[in-house]
PDB file of all heavy atoms in Angstrom:
ATOM      1  N   ARG A   1      24.211  -3.847  -0.350  1.00  0.00           N
ATOM      2  CA  ARG A   1      23.138  -2.891  -0.587  1.00  0.00           C
ATOM      3  C   ARG A   1      22.526  -3.148  -1.963  1.00  0.00           C
ATOM      4  O   ARG A   1      23.057  -3.922  -2.754  1.00  0.00           O
ATOM      5  CB  ARG A   1      23.664  -1.453  -0.527  1.00  0.00           C
ATOM      6  CG  ARG A   1      24.727  -1.157  -1.576  1.00  0.00           C
ATOM      7  CD  ARG A   1      25.254   0.263  -1.479  1.00  0.00           C
ATOM      8  NE  ARG A   1      26.284   0.528  -2.464  1.00  0.00           N
ATOM      9  CZ  ARG A   1      26.053   0.863  -3.731  1.00  0.00           C
ATOM     10  NH1 ARG A   1      24.805   0.977  -4.169  1.00  0.00           N
ATOM     11  NH2 ARG A   1      27.044   1.078  -4.579  1.00  0.00           N
ATOM     12  N   HIS A   2      21.415  -2.496  -2.223  1.00  0.00           N
ATOM     13  CA  HIS A   2      20.791  -2.545  -3.540  1.00  0.00           C
ATOM     14  C   HIS A   2      20.993  -1.208  -4.238  1.00  0.00           C
ATOM     15  O   HIS A   2      20.954  -0.148  -3.612  1.00  0.00           O
ATOM     16  CB  HIS A   2      19.281  -2.813  -3.423  1.00  0.00           C
ATOM     17  CG  HIS A   2      18.963  -4.215  -3.031  1.00  0.00           C
ATOM     18  ND1 HIS A   2      18.552  -4.568  -1.770  1.00  0.00           N
ATOM     19  CD2 HIS A   2      18.988  -5.364  -3.754  1.00  0.00           C
ATOM     20  CE1 HIS A   2      18.339  -5.861  -1.722  1.00  0.00           C
ATOM     21  NE2 HIS A   2      18.584  -6.375  -2.916  1.00  0.00           N
ATOM     22  N   SER A   3      21.222  -1.277  -5.533  1.00  0.00           N
ATOM     23  CA  SER A   3      21.279  -0.058  -6.335  1.00  0.00           C
ATOM     24  C   SER A   3      20.077  -0.029  -7.260  1.00  0.00           C
ATOM     25  O   SER A   3      19.592  -1.076  -7.699  1.00  0.00           O
ATOM     26  CB  SER A   3      22.573   0.001  -7.152  1.00  0.00           C
ATOM     27  OG  SER A   3      22.549  -0.948  -8.198  1.00  0.00           O
ATOM     28  N   MET A   4      19.593   1.184  -7.538  1.00  0.00           N
ATOM     29  CA  MET A   4      18.403   1.320  -8.363  1.00  0.00           C
ATOM     30  C   MET A   4      18.387   2.714  -8.975  1.00  0.00           C
ATOM     31  O   MET A   4      18.708   3.705  -8.310  1.00  0.00           O
ATOM     32  CB  MET A   4      17.155   1.129  -7.510  1.00  0.00           C
ATOM     33  CG  MET A   4      15.840   1.320  -8.242  1.00  0.00           C
ATOM     34  SD  MET A   4      14.460   1.400  -7.076  1.00  0.00           S
ATOM     35  CE  MET A   4      14.830   2.915  -6.190  1.00  0.00           C
ATOM     36  N   GLU A   5      18.075   2.772 -10.243  1.00  0.00           N
ATOM     37  CA  GLU A   5      17.878   4.060 -10.897  1.00  0.00           C
ATOM     38  C   GLU A   5      16.473   4.550 -10.561  1.00  0.00           C
ATOM     39  O   GLU A   5      15.484   3.891 -10.890  1.00  0.00           O
ATOM     40  CB  GLU A   5      18.032   3.915 -12.415  1.00  0.00           C
ATOM     41  CG  GLU A   5      19.444   3.590 -12.880  1.00  0.00           C
ATOM     42  CD  GLU A   5      20.398   4.760 -12.700  1.00  0.00           C
ATOM     43  OE1 GLU A   5      19.904   5.913 -12.592  1.00  0.00           O
ATOM     44  OE2 GLU A   5      21.613   4.529 -12.643  1.00  0.00           O
ATOM     45  N   ARG A   6      16.378   5.684  -9.903  1.00  0.00           N
ATOM     46  CA  ARG A   6      15.081   6.167  -9.425  1.00  0.00           C
ATOM     47  C   ARG A   6      14.122   6.473 -10.568  1.00  0.00           C
ATOM     48  O   ARG A   6      12.907   6.453 -10.396  1.00  0.00           O
ATOM     49  CB  ARG A   6      15.281   7.393  -8.549  1.00  0.00           C
ATOM     50  CG  ARG A   6      16.041   7.101  -7.263  1.00  0.00           C
ATOM     51  CD  ARG A   6      16.063   8.299  -6.333  1.00  0.00           C
ATOM     52  NE  ARG A   6      16.770   7.972  -5.106  1.00  0.00           N
ATOM     53  CZ  ARG A   6      16.220   7.386  -4.047  1.00  0.00           C
ATOM     54  NH1 ARG A   6      14.924   7.072  -4.088  1.00  0.00           N
ATOM     55  NH2 ARG A   6      16.912   7.128  -2.973  1.00  0.00           N
ATOM     56  N   LYS A   7      14.652   6.789 -11.745  1.00  0.00           N
ATOM     57  CA  LYS A   7      13.794   7.081 -12.887  1.00  0.00           C
ATOM     58  C   LYS A   7      13.656   5.879 -13.819  1.00  0.00           C
ATOM     59  O   LYS A   7      13.140   6.004 -14.927  1.00  0.00           O
ATOM     60  CB  LYS A   7      14.353   8.275 -13.660  1.00  0.00           C
ATOM     61  CG  LYS A   7      14.333   9.578 -12.865  1.00  0.00           C
ATOM     62  CD  LYS A   7      14.833  10.741 -13.707  1.00  0.00           C
ATOM     63  CE  LYS A   7      14.797  12.043 -12.914  1.00  0.00           C
ATOM     64  NZ  LYS A   7      15.286  13.192 -13.729  1.00  0.00           N
ATOM     65  N   GLY A   8      14.116   4.708 -13.364  1.00  0.00           N
ATOM     66  CA  GLY A   8      14.046   3.525 -14.209  1.00  0.00           C
ATOM     67  C   GLY A   8      15.234   3.433 -15.143  1.00  0.00           C
ATOM     68  O   GLY A   8      16.025   4.373 -15.278  1.00  0.00           O
ATOM     69  N   THR A   9      15.369   2.286 -15.785  1.00  0.00           N
ATOM     70  CA  THR A   9      16.480   2.025 -16.695  1.00  0.00           C
ATOM     71  C   THR A   9      15.929   1.596 -18.049  1.00  0.00           C
ATOM     72  O   THR A   9      15.041   0.742 -18.126  1.00  0.00           O
ATOM     73  CB  THR A   9      17.386   0.906 -16.149  1.00  0.00           C
ATOM     74  OG1 THR A   9      17.864   1.285 -14.862  1.00  0.00           O
ATOM     75  CG2 THR A   9      18.569   0.657 -17.076  1.00  0.00           C
ATOM     76  N   LEU A  10      16.450   2.198 -19.125  1.00  0.00           N
ATOM     77  CA  LEU A  10      16.027   1.813 -20.468  1.00  0.00           C
ATOM     78  C   LEU A  10      16.783   0.580 -20.917  1.00  0.00           C
ATOM     79  O   LEU A  10      18.011   0.564 -20.949  1.00  0.00           O
ATOM     80  CB  LEU A  10      16.270   2.967 -21.457  1.00  0.00           C
ATOM     81  CG  LEU A  10      15.242   4.103 -21.441  1.00  0.00           C
ATOM     82  CD1 LEU A  10      15.714   5.240 -22.342  1.00  0.00           C
ATOM     83  CD2 LEU A  10      13.875   3.592 -21.900  1.00  0.00           C
ATOM     84  N   LEU A  11      16.024  -0.453 -21.270  1.00  0.00           N
ATOM     85  CA  LEU A  11      16.625  -1.693 -21.756  1.00  0.00           C
ATOM     86  C   LEU A  11      15.952  -2.098 -23.061  1.00  0.00           C
ATOM     87  O   LEU A  11      14.771  -1.807 -23.282  1.00  0.00           O
ATOM     88  CB  LEU A  11      16.454  -2.814 -20.725  1.00  0.00           C
ATOM     89  CG  LEU A  11      17.226  -2.667 -19.417  1.00  0.00           C
ATOM     90  CD1 LEU A  11      16.860  -3.809 -18.484  1.00  0.00           C
ATOM     91  CD2 LEU A  11      18.729  -2.656 -19.669  1.00  0.00           C
ATOM     92  N   PRO A  12      16.690  -2.788 -23.952  1.00  0.00           N
ATOM     93  CA  PRO A  12      16.090  -3.257 -25.206  1.00  0.00           C
ATOM     94  C   PRO A  12      14.908  -4.181 -24.939  1.00  0.00           C
ATOM     95  O   PRO A  12      14.968  -5.058 -24.080  1.00  0.00           O
ATOM     96  CB  PRO A  12      17.240  -3.997 -25.891  1.00  0.00           C
ATOM     97  CG  PRO A  12      18.478  -3.413 -25.299  1.00  0.00           C
ATOM     98  CD  PRO A  12      18.135  -3.098 -23.882  1.00  0.00           C
ATOM     99  N   ALA A  13      13.836  -3.977 -25.676  1.00  0.00           N
ATOM    100  CA  ALA A  13      12.646  -4.820 -25.527  1.00  0.00           C
ATOM    101  C   ALA A  13      12.911  -6.211 -26.092  1.00  0.00           C
ATOM    102  O   ALA A  13      13.612  -6.370 -27.095  1.00  0.00           O
ATOM    103  CB  ALA A  13      11.461  -4.178 -26.231  1.00  0.00           C
ATOM    104  N   PHE A  14      12.335  -7.212 -25.459  1.00  0.00           N
ATOM    105  CA  PHE A  14      12.505  -8.590 -25.907  1.00  0.00           C
ATOM    106  C   PHE A  14      11.522  -8.895 -27.032  1.00  0.00           C
ATOM    107  O   PHE A  14      10.316  -8.679 -26.902  1.00  0.00           O
ATOM    108  CB  PHE A  14      12.279  -9.550 -24.743  1.00  0.00           C
ATOM    109  CG  PHE A  14      12.341 -10.996 -25.136  1.00  0.00           C
ATOM    110  CD1 PHE A  14      13.537 -11.572 -25.549  1.00  0.00           C
ATOM    111  CD2 PHE A  14      11.194 -11.786 -25.106  1.00  0.00           C
ATOM    112  CE1 PHE A  14      13.597 -12.906 -25.917  1.00  0.00           C
ATOM    113  CE2 PHE A  14      11.250 -13.123 -25.468  1.00  0.00           C
ATOM    114  CZ  PHE A  14      12.453 -13.678 -25.876  1.00  0.00           C
ATOM    115  N   ASN A  15      12.044  -9.415 -28.123  1.00  0.00           N
ATOM    116  CA  ASN A  15      11.217  -9.798 -29.261  1.00  0.00           C
ATOM    117  C   ASN A  15      11.645 -11.182 -29.719  1.00  0.00           C
ATOM    118  O   ASN A  15      12.638 -11.329 -30.437  1.00  0.00           O
ATOM    119  CB  ASN A  15      11.374  -8.788 -30.406  1.00  0.00           C
ATOM    120  CG  ASN A  15      10.514  -9.165 -31.613  1.00  0.00           C
ATOM    121  OD1 ASN A  15       9.721 -10.097 -31.554  1.00  0.00           O
ATOM    122  ND2 ASN A  15      10.694  -8.446 -32.715  1.00  0.00           N
ATOM    123  N   PRO A  16      10.909 -12.226 -29.319  1.00  0.00           N
ATOM    124  CA  PRO A  16      11.343 -13.590 -29.647  1.00  0.00           C
ATOM    125  C   PRO A  16      11.264 -13.912 -31.127  1.00  0.00           C
ATOM    126  O   PRO A  16      11.895 -14.874 -31.593  1.00  0.00           O
ATOM    127  CB  PRO A  16      10.372 -14.459 -28.839  1.00  0.00           C
ATOM    128  CG  PRO A  16       9.152 -13.616 -28.696  1.00  0.00           C
ATOM    129  CD  PRO A  16       9.652 -12.206 -28.564  1.00  0.00           C
ATOM    130  N   ASP A  17      10.526 -13.115 -31.908  1.00  0.00           N
ATOM    131  CA  ASP A  17      10.331 -13.420 -33.324  1.00  0.00           C
ATOM    132  C   ASP A  17      11.144 -12.534 -34.263  1.00  0.00           C
ATOM    133  O   ASP A  17      11.021 -12.644 -35.488  1.00  0.00           O
ATOM    134  CB  ASP A  17       8.842 -13.290 -33.677  1.00  0.00           C
ATOM    135  CG  ASP A  17       7.974 -14.220 -32.852  1.00  0.00           C
ATOM    136  OD1 ASP A  17       8.380 -15.383 -32.672  1.00  0.00           O
ATOM    137  OD2 ASP A  17       6.914 -13.778 -32.383  1.00  0.00           O
ATOM    138  N   GLY A  18      11.946 -11.668 -33.691  1.00  0.00           N
ATOM    139  CA  GLY A  18      12.717 -10.755 -34.537  1.00  0.00           C
ATOM    140  C   GLY A  18      14.134 -10.573 -34.033  1.00  0.00           C
ATOM    141  O   GLY A  18      14.497 -11.073 -32.956  1.00  0.00           O
ATOM    142  N   PRO A  19      14.957  -9.838 -34.776  1.00  0.00           N
ATOM    143  CA  PRO A  19      16.344  -9.614 -34.369  1.00  0.00           C
ATOM    144  C   PRO A  19      16.438  -8.627 -33.203  1.00  0.00           C
ATOM    145  O   PRO A  19      15.496  -7.872 -32.923  1.00  0.00           O
ATOM    146  CB  PRO A  19      16.984  -9.024 -35.628  1.00  0.00           C
ATOM    147  CG  PRO A  19      15.849  -8.326 -36.310  1.00  0.00           C
ATOM    148  CD  PRO A  19      14.638  -9.184 -36.052  1.00  0.00           C
ATOM    149  N   TYR A  20      17.559  -8.650 -32.551  1.00  0.00           N
ATOM    150  CA  TYR A  20      17.827  -7.706 -31.464  1.00  0.00           C
ATOM    151  C   TYR A  20      17.846  -6.296 -32.033  1.00  0.00           C
ATOM    152  O   TYR A  20      18.508  -6.020 -33.030  1.00  0.00           O
ATOM    153  CB  TYR A  20      19.181  -8.057 -30.832  1.00  0.00           C
ATOM    154  CG  TYR A  20      19.701  -7.057 -29.842  1.00  0.00           C
ATOM    155  CD1 TYR A  20      19.278  -7.079 -28.520  1.00  0.00           C
ATOM    156  CD2 TYR A  20      20.632  -6.087 -30.218  1.00  0.00           C
ATOM    157  CE1 TYR A  20      19.764  -6.178 -27.600  1.00  0.00           C
ATOM    158  CE2 TYR A  20      21.120  -5.176 -29.306  1.00  0.00           C
ATOM    159  CZ  TYR A  20      20.687  -5.226 -27.993  1.00  0.00           C
ATOM    160  OH  TYR A  20      21.173  -4.318 -27.086  1.00  0.00           O
ATOM    161  N   ASP A  21      17.122  -5.401 -31.404  1.00  0.00           N
ATOM    162  CA  ASP A  21      17.046  -4.016 -31.873  1.00  0.00           C
ATOM    163  C   ASP A  21      17.214  -3.095 -30.674  1.00  0.00           C
ATOM    164  O   ASP A  21      16.287  -2.921 -29.884  1.00  0.00           O
ATOM    165  CB  ASP A  21      15.702  -3.768 -32.564  1.00  0.00           C
ATOM    166  CG  ASP A  21      15.615  -2.364 -33.174  1.00  0.00           C
ATOM    167  OD1 ASP A  21      16.543  -1.551 -32.949  1.00  0.00           O
ATOM    168  OD2 ASP A  21      14.620  -2.097 -33.868  1.00  0.00           O
ATOM    169  N   ARG A  22      18.380  -2.493 -30.551  1.00  0.00           N
ATOM    170  CA  ARG A  22      18.654  -1.655 -29.398  1.00  0.00           C
ATOM    171  C   ARG A  22      17.870  -0.349 -29.409  1.00  0.00           C
ATOM    172  O   ARG A  22      17.797   0.337 -28.391  1.00  0.00           O
ATOM    173  CB  ARG A  22      20.152  -1.352 -29.304  1.00  0.00           C
ATOM    174  CG  ARG A  22      20.698  -0.465 -30.406  1.00  0.00           C
ATOM    175  CD  ARG A  22      22.173  -0.162 -30.152  1.00  0.00           C
ATOM    176  NE  ARG A  22      22.951  -1.388 -30.190  1.00  0.00           N
ATOM    177  CZ  ARG A  22      24.165  -1.514 -29.628  1.00  0.00           C
ATOM    178  NH1 ARG A  22      24.685  -0.491 -28.992  1.00  0.00           N
ATOM    179  NH2 ARG A  22      24.815  -2.642 -29.716  1.00  0.00           N
ATOM    180  N   THR A  23      17.275  -0.010 -30.534  1.00  0.00           N
ATOM    181  CA  THR A  23      16.498   1.227 -30.595  1.00  0.00           C
ATOM    182  C   THR A  23      15.097   1.054 -30.008  1.00  0.00           C
ATOM    183  O   THR A  23      14.431   2.029 -29.675  1.00  0.00           O
ATOM    184  CB  THR A  23      16.373   1.728 -32.042  1.00  0.00           C
ATOM    185  OG1 THR A  23      15.605   0.792 -32.802  1.00  0.00           O
ATOM    186  CG2 THR A  23      17.751   1.900 -32.678  1.00  0.00           C
ATOM    187  N   GLN A  24      14.652  -0.198 -29.924  1.00  0.00           N
ATOM    188  CA  GLN A  24      13.334  -0.483 -29.333  1.00  0.00           C
ATOM    189  C   GLN A  24      13.533  -0.763 -27.842  1.00  0.00           C
ATOM    190  O   GLN A  24      13.858  -1.869 -27.443  1.00  0.00           O
ATOM    191  CB  GLN A  24      12.698  -1.687 -30.037  1.00  0.00           C
ATOM    192  CG  GLN A  24      12.447  -1.481 -31.513  1.00  0.00           C
ATOM    193  CD  GLN A  24      11.463  -0.340 -31.759  1.00  0.00           C
ATOM    194  OE1 GLN A  24      10.431  -0.231 -31.087  1.00  0.00           O
ATOM    195  NE2 GLN A  24      11.776   0.516 -32.728  1.00  0.00           N
ATOM    196  N   ARG A  25      13.334   0.263 -27.038  1.00  0.00           N
ATOM    197  CA  ARG A  25      13.624   0.138 -25.617  1.00  0.00           C
ATOM    198  C   ARG A  25      12.387   0.365 -24.765  1.00  0.00           C
ATOM    199  O   ARG A  25      11.444   1.013 -25.192  1.00  0.00           O
ATOM    200  CB  ARG A  25      14.717   1.139 -25.208  1.00  0.00           C
ATOM    201  CG  ARG A  25      16.042   0.909 -25.928  1.00  0.00           C
ATOM    202  CD  ARG A  25      17.136   1.728 -25.307  1.00  0.00           C
ATOM    203  NE  ARG A  25      18.427   1.466 -25.920  1.00  0.00           N
ATOM    204  CZ  ARG A  25      19.591   1.828 -25.394  1.00  0.00           C
ATOM    205  NH1 ARG A  25      19.614   2.492 -24.251  1.00  0.00           N
ATOM    206  NH2 ARG A  25      20.719   1.548 -26.001  1.00  0.00           N
ATOM    207  N   THR A  26      12.441  -0.178 -23.574  1.00  0.00           N
ATOM    208  CA  THR A  26      11.374   0.030 -22.604  1.00  0.00           C
ATOM    209  C   THR A  26      11.996   0.370 -21.260  1.00  0.00           C
ATOM    210  O   THR A  26      13.096  -0.116 -20.938  1.00  0.00           O
ATOM    211  CB  THR A  26      10.481  -1.221 -22.497  1.00  0.00           C
ATOM    212  OG1 THR A  26       9.381  -0.944 -21.652  1.00  0.00           O
ATOM    213  CG2 THR A  26      11.265  -2.405 -21.935  1.00  0.00           C
ATOM    214  N   ARG A  27      11.330   1.183 -20.472  1.00  0.00           N
ATOM    215  CA  ARG A  27      11.867   1.600 -19.178  1.00  0.00           C
ATOM    216  C   ARG A  27      11.388   0.626 -18.100  1.00  0.00           C
ATOM    217  O   ARG A  27      10.190   0.338 -17.995  1.00  0.00           O
ATOM    218  CB  ARG A  27      11.431   3.033 -18.851  1.00  0.00           C
ATOM    219  CG  ARG A  27      12.185   3.658 -17.678  1.00  0.00           C
ATOM    220  CD  ARG A  27      11.822   5.127 -17.515  1.00  0.00           C
ATOM    221  NE  ARG A  27      12.234   5.901 -18.666  1.00  0.00           N
ATOM    222  CZ  ARG A  27      13.454   6.408 -18.842  1.00  0.00           C
ATOM    223  NH1 ARG A  27      14.393   6.185 -17.918  1.00  0.00           N
ATOM    224  NH2 ARG A  27      13.742   7.129 -19.910  1.00  0.00           N
ATOM    225  N   VAL A  28      12.336   0.125 -17.312  1.00  0.00           N
ATOM    226  CA  VAL A  28      12.021  -0.868 -16.284  1.00  0.00           C
ATOM    227  C   VAL A  28      12.683  -0.474 -14.967  1.00  0.00           C
ATOM    228  O   VAL A  28      13.613   0.343 -14.932  1.00  0.00           O
ATOM    229  CB  VAL A  28      12.508  -2.277 -16.696  1.00  0.00           C
ATOM    230  CG1 VAL A  28      11.864  -2.724 -17.991  1.00  0.00           C
ATOM    231  CG2 VAL A  28      14.040  -2.312 -16.812  1.00  0.00           C
ATOM    232  N   TRP A  29      12.183  -1.086 -13.890  1.00  0.00           N
ATOM    233  CA  TRP A  29      12.880  -1.005 -12.617  1.00  0.00           C
ATOM    234  C   TRP A  29      13.995  -2.047 -12.651  1.00  0.00           C
ATOM    235  O   TRP A  29      13.734  -3.240 -12.804  1.00  0.00           O
ATOM    236  CB  TRP A  29      11.933  -1.319 -11.459  1.00  0.00           C
ATOM    237  CG  TRP A  29      10.893  -0.278 -11.197  1.00  0.00           C
ATOM    238  CD1 TRP A  29       9.551  -0.394 -11.387  1.00  0.00           C
ATOM    239  CD2 TRP A  29      11.105   1.035 -10.691  1.00  0.00           C
ATOM    240  NE1 TRP A  29       8.914   0.759 -11.041  1.00  0.00           N
ATOM    241  CE2 TRP A  29       9.841   1.666 -10.599  1.00  0.00           C
ATOM    242  CE3 TRP A  29      12.246   1.751 -10.306  1.00  0.00           C
ATOM    243  CZ2 TRP A  29       9.677   2.961 -10.133  1.00  0.00           C
ATOM    244  CZ3 TRP A  29      12.079   3.050  -9.847  1.00  0.00           C
ATOM    245  CH2 TRP A  29      10.818   3.645  -9.759  1.00  0.00           C
ATOM    246  N   LYS A  30      15.217  -1.609 -12.502  1.00  0.00           N
ATOM    247  CA  LYS A  30      16.361  -2.516 -12.487  1.00  0.00           C
ATOM    248  C   LYS A  30      17.035  -2.414 -11.123  1.00  0.00           C
ATOM    249  O   LYS A  30      17.635  -1.393 -10.793  1.00  0.00           O
ATOM    250  CB  LYS A  30      17.355  -2.166 -13.594  1.00  0.00           C
ATOM    251  CG  LYS A  30      18.527  -3.139 -13.690  1.00  0.00           C
ATOM    252  CD  LYS A  30      19.482  -2.723 -14.802  1.00  0.00           C
ATOM    253  CE  LYS A  30      20.669  -3.676 -14.888  1.00  0.00           C
ATOM    254  NZ  LYS A  30      21.637  -3.250 -15.928  1.00  0.00           N
ATOM    255  N   ILE A  31      16.905  -3.477 -10.349  1.00  0.00           N
ATOM    256  CA  ILE A  31      17.444  -3.498  -8.988  1.00  0.00           C
ATOM    257  C   ILE A  31      18.589  -4.509  -8.944  1.00  0.00           C
ATOM    258  O   ILE A  31      18.429  -5.664  -9.356  1.00  0.00           O
ATOM    259  CB  ILE A  31      16.353  -3.896  -7.977  1.00  0.00           C
ATOM    260  CG1 ILE A  31      15.160  -2.945  -8.115  1.00  0.00           C
ATOM    261  CG2 ILE A  31      16.897  -3.872  -6.558  1.00  0.00           C
ATOM    262  CD1 ILE A  31      13.945  -3.411  -7.378  1.00  0.00           C
ATOM    263  N   GLU A  32      19.730  -4.088  -8.455  1.00  0.00           N
ATOM    264  CA  GLU A  32      20.895  -4.954  -8.406  1.00  0.00           C
ATOM    265  C   GLU A  32      21.460  -4.998  -6.994  1.00  0.00           C
ATOM    266  O   GLU A  32      21.557  -3.964  -6.327  1.00  0.00           O
ATOM    267  CB  GLU A  32      21.981  -4.460  -9.361  1.00  0.00           C
ATOM    268  CG  GLU A  32      21.611  -4.545 -10.834  1.00  0.00           C
ATOM    269  CD  GLU A  32      22.756  -4.091 -11.725  1.00  0.00           C
ATOM    270  OE1 GLU A  32      23.154  -2.909 -11.625  1.00  0.00           O
ATOM    271  OE2 GLU A  32      23.252  -4.915 -12.502  1.00  0.00           O
ATOM    272  N   GLU A  33      21.796  -6.202  -6.559  1.00  0.00           N
ATOM    273  CA  GLU A  33      22.475  -6.355  -5.279  1.00  0.00           C
ATOM    274  C   GLU A  33      23.956  -6.023  -5.486  1.00  0.00           C
ATOM    275  O   GLU A  33      24.593  -6.540  -6.403  1.00  0.00           O
ATOM    276  CB  GLU A  33      22.315  -7.782  -4.764  1.00  0.00           C
ATOM    277  CG  GLU A  33      22.908  -7.991  -3.378  1.00  0.00           C
ATOM    278  CD  GLU A  33      22.934  -9.444  -2.966  1.00  0.00           C
ATOM    279  OE1 GLU A  33      22.649 -10.307  -3.826  1.00  0.00           O
ATOM    280  OE2 GLU A  33      23.257  -9.710  -1.806  1.00  0.00           O
ATOM    281  N   LYS A  34      24.478  -5.179  -4.612  1.00  0.00           N
ATOM    282  CA  LYS A  34      25.850  -4.732  -4.733  1.00  0.00           C
ATOM    283  C   LYS A  34      26.691  -5.175  -3.540  1.00  0.00           C
ATOM    284  O   LYS A  34      26.190  -5.324  -2.436  1.00  0.00           O
ATOM    285  CB  LYS A  34      25.904  -3.200  -4.843  1.00  0.00           C
ATOM    286  CG  LYS A  34      25.259  -2.636  -6.105  1.00  0.00           C
ATOM    287  CD  LYS A  34      26.076  -2.973  -7.337  1.00  0.00           C
ATOM    288  CE  LYS A  34      25.542  -2.252  -8.563  1.00  0.00           C
ATOM    289  NZ  LYS A  34      26.321  -2.562  -9.779  1.00  0.00           N
ATOM    290  N   GLN A  35      27.967  -5.390  -3.782  1.00  0.00           N
ATOM    291  CA  GLN A  35      29.015  -5.608  -2.787  1.00  0.00           C
ATOM    292  C   GLN A  35      29.128  -7.048  -2.276  1.00  0.00           C
ATOM    293  O   GLN A  35      30.150  -7.404  -1.689  1.00  0.00           O
ATOM    294  CB  GLN A  35      28.856  -4.667  -1.583  1.00  0.00           C
ATOM    295  CG  GLN A  35      28.898  -3.194  -1.950  1.00  0.00           C
ATOM    296  CD  GLN A  35      28.716  -2.275  -0.756  1.00  0.00           C
ATOM    297  OE1 GLN A  35      28.258  -2.707   0.308  1.00  0.00           O
ATOM    298  NE2 GLN A  35      29.044  -1.010  -0.928  1.00  0.00           N
ATOM    299  N   THR A  36      28.118  -7.880  -2.485  1.00  0.00           N
ATOM    300  CA  THR A  36      28.172  -9.219  -1.899  1.00  0.00           C
ATOM    301  C   THR A  36      29.361 -10.028  -2.399  1.00  0.00           C
ATOM    302  O   THR A  36      30.087 -10.646  -1.609  1.00  0.00           O
ATOM    303  CB  THR A  36      26.860  -9.979  -2.173  1.00  0.00           C
ATOM    304  OG1 THR A  36      25.821  -9.391  -1.378  1.00  0.00           O
ATOM    305  CG2 THR A  36      26.979 -11.454  -1.794  1.00  0.00           C
ATOM    306  N   ASP A  37      29.593 -10.054  -3.708  1.00  0.00           N
ATOM    307  CA  ASP A  37      30.705 -10.843  -4.243  1.00  0.00           C
ATOM    308  C   ASP A  37      32.046 -10.364  -3.685  1.00  0.00           C
ATOM    309  O   ASP A  37      32.915 -11.173  -3.326  1.00  0.00           O
ATOM    310  CB  ASP A  37      30.727 -10.783  -5.770  1.00  0.00           C
ATOM    311  CG  ASP A  37      29.522 -11.452  -6.403  1.00  0.00           C
ATOM    312  OD1 ASP A  37      28.956 -12.353  -5.764  1.00  0.00           O
ATOM    313  OD2 ASP A  37      29.147 -11.062  -7.519  1.00  0.00           O
ATOM    314  N   VAL A  38      32.217  -9.047  -3.613  1.00  0.00           N
ATOM    315  CA  VAL A  38      33.463  -8.489  -3.073  1.00  0.00           C
ATOM    316  C   VAL A  38      33.581  -8.812  -1.585  1.00  0.00           C
ATOM    317  O   VAL A  38      34.657  -9.183  -1.104  1.00  0.00           O
ATOM    318  CB  VAL A  38      33.519  -6.965  -3.305  1.00  0.00           C
ATOM    319  CG1 VAL A  38      34.721  -6.365  -2.596  1.00  0.00           C
ATOM    320  CG2 VAL A  38      33.581  -6.663  -4.786  1.00  0.00           C
ATOM    321  N   ASN A  39      32.484  -8.680  -0.846  1.00  0.00           N
ATOM    322  CA  ASN A  39      32.525  -8.989   0.583  1.00  0.00           C
ATOM    323  C   ASN A  39      32.869 -10.449   0.838  1.00  0.00           C
ATOM    324  O   ASN A  39      33.626 -10.771   1.769  1.00  0.00           O
ATOM    325  CB  ASN A  39      31.170  -8.652   1.222  1.00  0.00           C
ATOM    326  CG  ASN A  39      30.952  -7.159   1.380  1.00  0.00           C
ATOM    327  OD1 ASN A  39      31.910  -6.388   1.475  1.00  0.00           O
ATOM    328  ND2 ASN A  39      29.697  -6.740   1.414  1.00  0.00           N
ATOM    329  N   ILE A  40      32.325 -11.347   0.033  1.00  0.00           N
ATOM    330  CA  ILE A  40      32.662 -12.765   0.173  1.00  0.00           C
ATOM    331  C   ILE A  40      34.142 -12.993  -0.101  1.00  0.00           C
ATOM    332  O   ILE A  40      34.835 -13.690   0.657  1.00  0.00           O
ATOM    333  CB  ILE A  40      31.803 -13.624  -0.778  1.00  0.00           C
ATOM    334  CG1 ILE A  40      30.342 -13.643  -0.316  1.00  0.00           C
ATOM    335  CG2 ILE A  40      32.340 -15.061  -0.860  1.00  0.00           C
ATOM    336  CD1 ILE A  40      29.401 -14.354  -1.271  1.00  0.00           C
ATOM    337  N   ALA A  41      34.636 -12.417  -1.182  1.00  0.00           N
ATOM    338  CA  ALA A  41      36.043 -12.598  -1.544  1.00  0.00           C
ATOM    339  C   ALA A  41      36.972 -12.089  -0.451  1.00  0.00           C
ATOM    340  O   ALA A  41      37.960 -12.752  -0.087  1.00  0.00           O
ATOM    341  CB  ALA A  41      36.338 -11.899  -2.870  1.00  0.00           C
ATOM    342  N   LEU A  42      36.682 -10.916   0.092  1.00  0.00           N
ATOM    343  CA  LEU A  42      37.523 -10.351   1.149  1.00  0.00           C
ATOM    344  C   LEU A  42      37.503 -11.230   2.392  1.00  0.00           C
ATOM    345  O   LEU A  42      38.556 -11.499   2.992  1.00  0.00           O
ATOM    346  CB  LEU A  42      37.046  -8.945   1.498  1.00  0.00           C
ATOM    347  CG  LEU A  42      37.374  -7.844   0.495  1.00  0.00           C
ATOM    348  CD1 LEU A  42      36.688  -6.542   0.897  1.00  0.00           C
ATOM    349  CD2 LEU A  42      38.880  -7.624   0.406  1.00  0.00           C
ATOM    350  N   ALA A  43      36.311 -11.681   2.788  1.00  0.00           N
ATOM    351  CA  ALA A  43      36.204 -12.504   3.988  1.00  0.00           C
ATOM    352  C   ALA A  43      36.948 -13.825   3.820  1.00  0.00           C
ATOM    353  O   ALA A  43      37.672 -14.265   4.722  1.00  0.00           O
ATOM    354  CB  ALA A  43      34.735 -12.758   4.318  1.00  0.00           C
TER     355      ALA A  43
END
């Protein structure tokens, strides 16, 4: 199945010219496939 936060997920914004800053975040759709690795291992 796919998992998804219905209100979006806050992730740090990418800045190629500066240091990582966890306070600078942007809300994105984050969709993840779930269970496949476990299902493969079990099978």
